[in-house]
Amino acid sequence: MWLLVRGSPEPQPALLSLEAMGHLASVKVNYAGVIEFTEKITQGIPWTQWELQLGGTRVLLVARGDCLIGTDLRLAKYQNTSEANRTSELVLPAPKPISARVNHEAREKGGSYFYSINGFGLEPLIPGTENRSKAISSALAKAQQDIEASCSSPDVLATAKKNAEAVLKPAFGAVGWNVQVRWLQ
């Protein structure tokens, strides 16, 4: 008979299914902002470093969106666990944005909308909508960047940590464990 001898694993608190939860979303940030963006149409002047501005498209976007900040519980680790005292240290990765999005719903449903799209200079005379489409896409990309930046601010991340602890500690306490949370950077 073969006997496989392994070291006994460190005892774990009763909530082993914690890792199976995936992400714990602890903060939702609602975003609203006004973005002005201008896509210029220029023509380079040969053999010089100058460009001749022919016109452009100016876009005014009222951007709305949201993002979720959470902790990936699949990366949670237990350390310094004492089965006798029913204490443990829960090591968690720092919260980070899970999702950030510009709301593309209708204006009446709280979505983003273009307040103004204006061509200036020779742009209205140039056939096609390429410059206008480029300006709209660039304004929406800027809105997406702004939402992501607002979700990554230190205040929001600190609130996410505090909220995650407010959920996790009572959950462990309900099954008789005293767990201290340590955050990785």
Protein backbone atom coordinates (compact mmCIF):
# COMPACT_ATOMS: atom_id res chain seq x y z
CA MET A 1 0.00 0.00 0.00
CA TRP A 2 1.30 3.37 -0.97
CA LEU A 3 0.92 6.17 1.49
CA LEU A 4 1.27 9.74 0.37
CA VAL A 5 2.48 11.93 3.18
CA ARG A 6 1.80 15.64 2.86
CA GLY A 7 2.12 18.50 5.27
CA SER A 8 -1.23 19.46 6.72
CA PRO A 9 -2.51 22.72 5.27
CA GLU A 10 -2.96 25.74 7.47
CA PRO A 11 -6.47 25.75 8.97
CA GLN A 12 -8.89 28.02 7.12
CA PRO A 13 -11.82 30.06 8.41
CA ALA A 14 -15.26 28.63 7.69
CA LEU A 15 -15.95 30.84 4.70
CA LEU A 16 -13.84 28.93 2.21
CA SER A 17 -16.31 29.82 -0.52
CA LEU A 18 -15.07 33.42 -0.31
CA GLU A 19 -12.72 32.84 -3.24
CA ALA A 20 -15.55 31.43 -5.35
CA MET A 21 -17.37 34.76 -5.16
CA GLY A 22 -15.03 36.33 -7.72
CA HIS A 23 -15.13 40.11 -7.46
CA LEU A 24 -16.69 41.93 -4.54
CA ALA A 25 -17.94 45.24 -5.94
CA SER A 26 -17.85 47.69 -3.06
CA VAL A 27 -18.27 51.12 -4.72
CA LYS A 28 -20.25 52.41 -7.67
CA VAL A 29 -19.24 55.83 -8.94
CA ASN A 30 -21.68 57.80 -11.05
CA TYR A 31 -20.03 60.18 -13.49
CA ALA A 32 -21.32 63.27 -15.25
CA GLY A 33 -19.22 65.77 -17.13
CA VAL A 34 -19.14 68.12 -20.08
CA ILE A 35 -16.50 67.47 -22.70
CA GLU A 36 -15.58 69.91 -25.42
CA PHE A 37 -13.48 68.50 -28.23
CA THR A 38 -12.29 70.00 -31.51
CA GLU A 39 -11.08 67.93 -34.44
CA LYS A 40 -9.17 70.22 -36.77
CA ILE A 41 -8.72 69.86 -40.49
CA THR A 42 -5.27 71.00 -41.54
CA GLN A 43 -3.15 70.91 -44.65
CA GLY A 44 0.59 70.67 -44.33
CA ILE A 45 2.60 73.26 -46.22
CA PRO A 46 5.24 71.40 -48.24
CA TRP A 47 8.92 71.81 -47.25
CA THR A 48 7.96 73.62 -44.02
CA GLN A 49 6.96 72.69 -40.51
CA TRP A 50 3.74 74.70 -40.70
CA GLU A 51 0.20 73.62 -41.30
CA LEU A 52 -2.67 75.60 -42.71
CA GLN A 53 -5.85 75.24 -40.65
CA LEU A 54 -8.82 74.78 -42.96
CA GLY A 55 -11.51 74.31 -40.33
CA GLY A 56 -12.76 71.59 -38.08
CA THR A 57 -15.58 70.11 -36.05
CA ARG A 58 -16.33 71.21 -32.49
CA VAL A 59 -18.27 68.77 -30.31
CA LEU A 60 -19.89 69.46 -26.95
CA LEU A 61 -20.75 66.19 -25.18
CA VAL A 62 -22.72 65.86 -21.97
CA ALA A 63 -21.21 62.60 -20.77
CA ARG A 64 -22.79 60.33 -18.21
CA GLY A 65 -21.61 56.97 -17.04
CA ASP A 66 -20.55 54.87 -14.10
CA CYS A 67 -17.95 52.45 -12.89
CA LEU A 68 -17.66 49.68 -10.34
CA ILE A 69 -14.67 49.31 -8.05
CA GLY A 70 -14.07 46.00 -6.38
CA THR A 71 -11.70 43.44 -4.97
CA ASP A 72 -10.82 40.16 -6.65
CA LEU A 73 -11.60 37.64 -3.92
CA ARG A 74 -10.16 34.81 -6.00
CA LEU A 75 -6.73 36.17 -4.98
CA ALA A 76 -7.57 36.22 -1.24
CA LYS A 77 -5.10 34.45 1.06
CA TYR A 78 -5.33 33.51 4.72
CA GLN A 79 -2.31 34.02 6.99
CA ASN A 80 -1.61 33.66 10.70
CA THR A 81 -4.69 31.50 11.18
CA SER A 82 -5.41 30.16 14.67
CA GLU A 83 -8.10 27.47 14.77
CA ALA A 84 -8.10 27.57 18.59
CA ASN A 85 -8.66 31.33 18.79
CA ARG A 86 -10.68 31.40 15.55
CA THR A 87 -8.65 34.31 14.24
CA SER A 88 -7.05 34.89 10.89
CA GLU A 89 -5.57 37.55 8.70
CA LEU A 90 -7.21 37.92 5.30
CA VAL A 91 -4.79 39.27 2.68
CA LEU A 92 -6.58 40.94 -0.23
CA PRO A 93 -5.38 42.63 -3.41
CA ALA A 94 -6.05 46.36 -3.61
CA PRO A 95 -9.42 47.29 -5.10
CA LYS A 96 -9.45 48.42 -8.70
CA PRO A 97 -12.02 49.37 -11.31
CA ILE A 98 -13.96 46.33 -12.50
CA SER A 99 -15.90 48.14 -15.19
CA ALA A 100 -16.16 51.70 -16.42
CA ARG A 101 -18.62 52.73 -19.08
CA VAL A 102 -20.11 55.69 -20.86
CA ASN A 103 -23.88 55.43 -20.74
CA HIS A 104 -25.16 55.32 -24.34
CA GLU A 105 -28.84 55.15 -23.45
CA ALA A 106 -31.28 57.85 -24.53
CA ARG A 107 -31.01 61.26 -22.92
CA GLU A 108 -34.38 60.75 -21.19
CA LYS A 109 -33.07 57.55 -19.58
CA GLY A 110 -29.98 59.26 -18.17
CA GLY A 111 -27.63 58.60 -21.05
CA SER A 112 -24.96 60.76 -22.65
CA TYR A 113 -25.85 63.12 -25.45
CA PHE A 114 -24.24 65.56 -27.84
CA TYR A 115 -25.32 69.08 -27.00
CA SER A 116 -23.68 70.59 -30.03
CA ILE A 117 -21.79 69.46 -33.14
CA ASN A 118 -20.59 72.37 -35.25
CA GLY A 119 -18.37 72.60 -38.29
CA PHE A 120 -16.28 75.74 -38.80
CA GLY A 121 -14.03 77.10 -41.49
CA LEU A 122 -14.10 75.07 -44.70
CA GLU A 123 -15.28 71.90 -42.94
CA PRO A 124 -18.97 72.39 -43.86
CA LEU A 125 -17.96 72.64 -47.54
CA ILE A 126 -15.85 69.45 -47.57
CA PRO A 127 -17.91 66.45 -48.69
CA GLY A 128 -18.23 63.48 -46.35
CA THR A 129 -18.60 63.07 -42.60
CA GLU A 130 -15.21 61.62 -41.75
CA ASN A 131 -14.05 64.58 -39.65
CA ARG A 132 -17.39 64.80 -37.84
CA SER A 133 -17.31 61.06 -37.03
CA LYS A 134 -13.71 61.35 -35.87
CA ALA A 135 -14.63 64.24 -33.54
CA ILE A 136 -17.55 62.30 -32.05
CA SER A 137 -15.42 59.19 -31.50
CA SER A 138 -12.65 61.24 -29.90
CA ALA A 139 -15.10 62.97 -27.54
CA LEU A 140 -16.54 59.61 -26.46
CA ALA A 141 -13.02 58.20 -25.95
CA LYS A 142 -12.15 61.23 -23.79
CA ALA A 143 -15.32 60.63 -21.72
CA GLN A 144 -14.29 56.99 -21.21
CA GLN A 145 -10.83 58.09 -20.04
CA ASP A 146 -12.36 60.61 -17.63
CA ILE A 147 -14.65 57.96 -16.12
CA GLU A 148 -11.72 55.56 -15.66
CA ALA A 149 -9.65 58.32 -14.04
CA SER A 150 -12.44 59.25 -11.63
CA CYS A 151 -12.70 55.59 -10.57
CA SER A 152 -9.01 55.32 -9.82
CA SER A 153 -8.76 58.28 -7.46
CA PRO A 154 -7.26 57.55 -4.03
CA ASP A 155 -10.45 58.63 -2.22
CA VAL A 156 -12.61 56.21 -4.20
CA LEU A 157 -10.16 53.34 -3.68
CA ALA A 158 -10.03 54.05 0.08
CA THR A 159 -13.83 53.99 0.22
CA ALA A 160 -13.82 50.67 -1.67
CA LYS A 161 -11.47 49.18 0.95
CA LYS A 162 -13.58 50.46 3.81
CA ASN A 163 -16.80 49.12 2.26
CA ALA A 164 -15.27 45.71 1.51
CA GLU A 165 -14.14 45.38 5.11
CA ALA A 166 -17.62 46.42 6.29
CA VAL A 167 -19.04 43.47 4.35
CA LEU A 168 -16.37 40.83 5.01
CA LYS A 169 -15.72 41.26 8.74
CA PRO A 170 -19.37 40.78 9.81
CA ALA A 171 -19.66 37.78 7.45
CA PHE A 172 -16.74 36.09 9.18
CA GLY A 173 -18.05 37.21 12.57
CA ALA A 174 -21.39 35.53 11.85
CA VAL A 175 -19.63 32.15 11.69
CA GLY A 176 -17.49 32.84 14.76
CA TRP A 177 -14.23 34.05 13.21
CA ASN A 178 -12.39 37.28 13.96
CA VAL A 179 -10.63 38.26 10.76
CA GLN A 180 -8.29 41.20 10.22
CA VAL A 181 -7.96 42.44 6.66
CA ARG A 182 -4.57 43.38 5.19
CA TRP A 183 -4.45 45.04 1.80
CA LEU A 184 -1.70 44.47 -0.74
CA GLN A 185 -0.55 47.44 -2.79
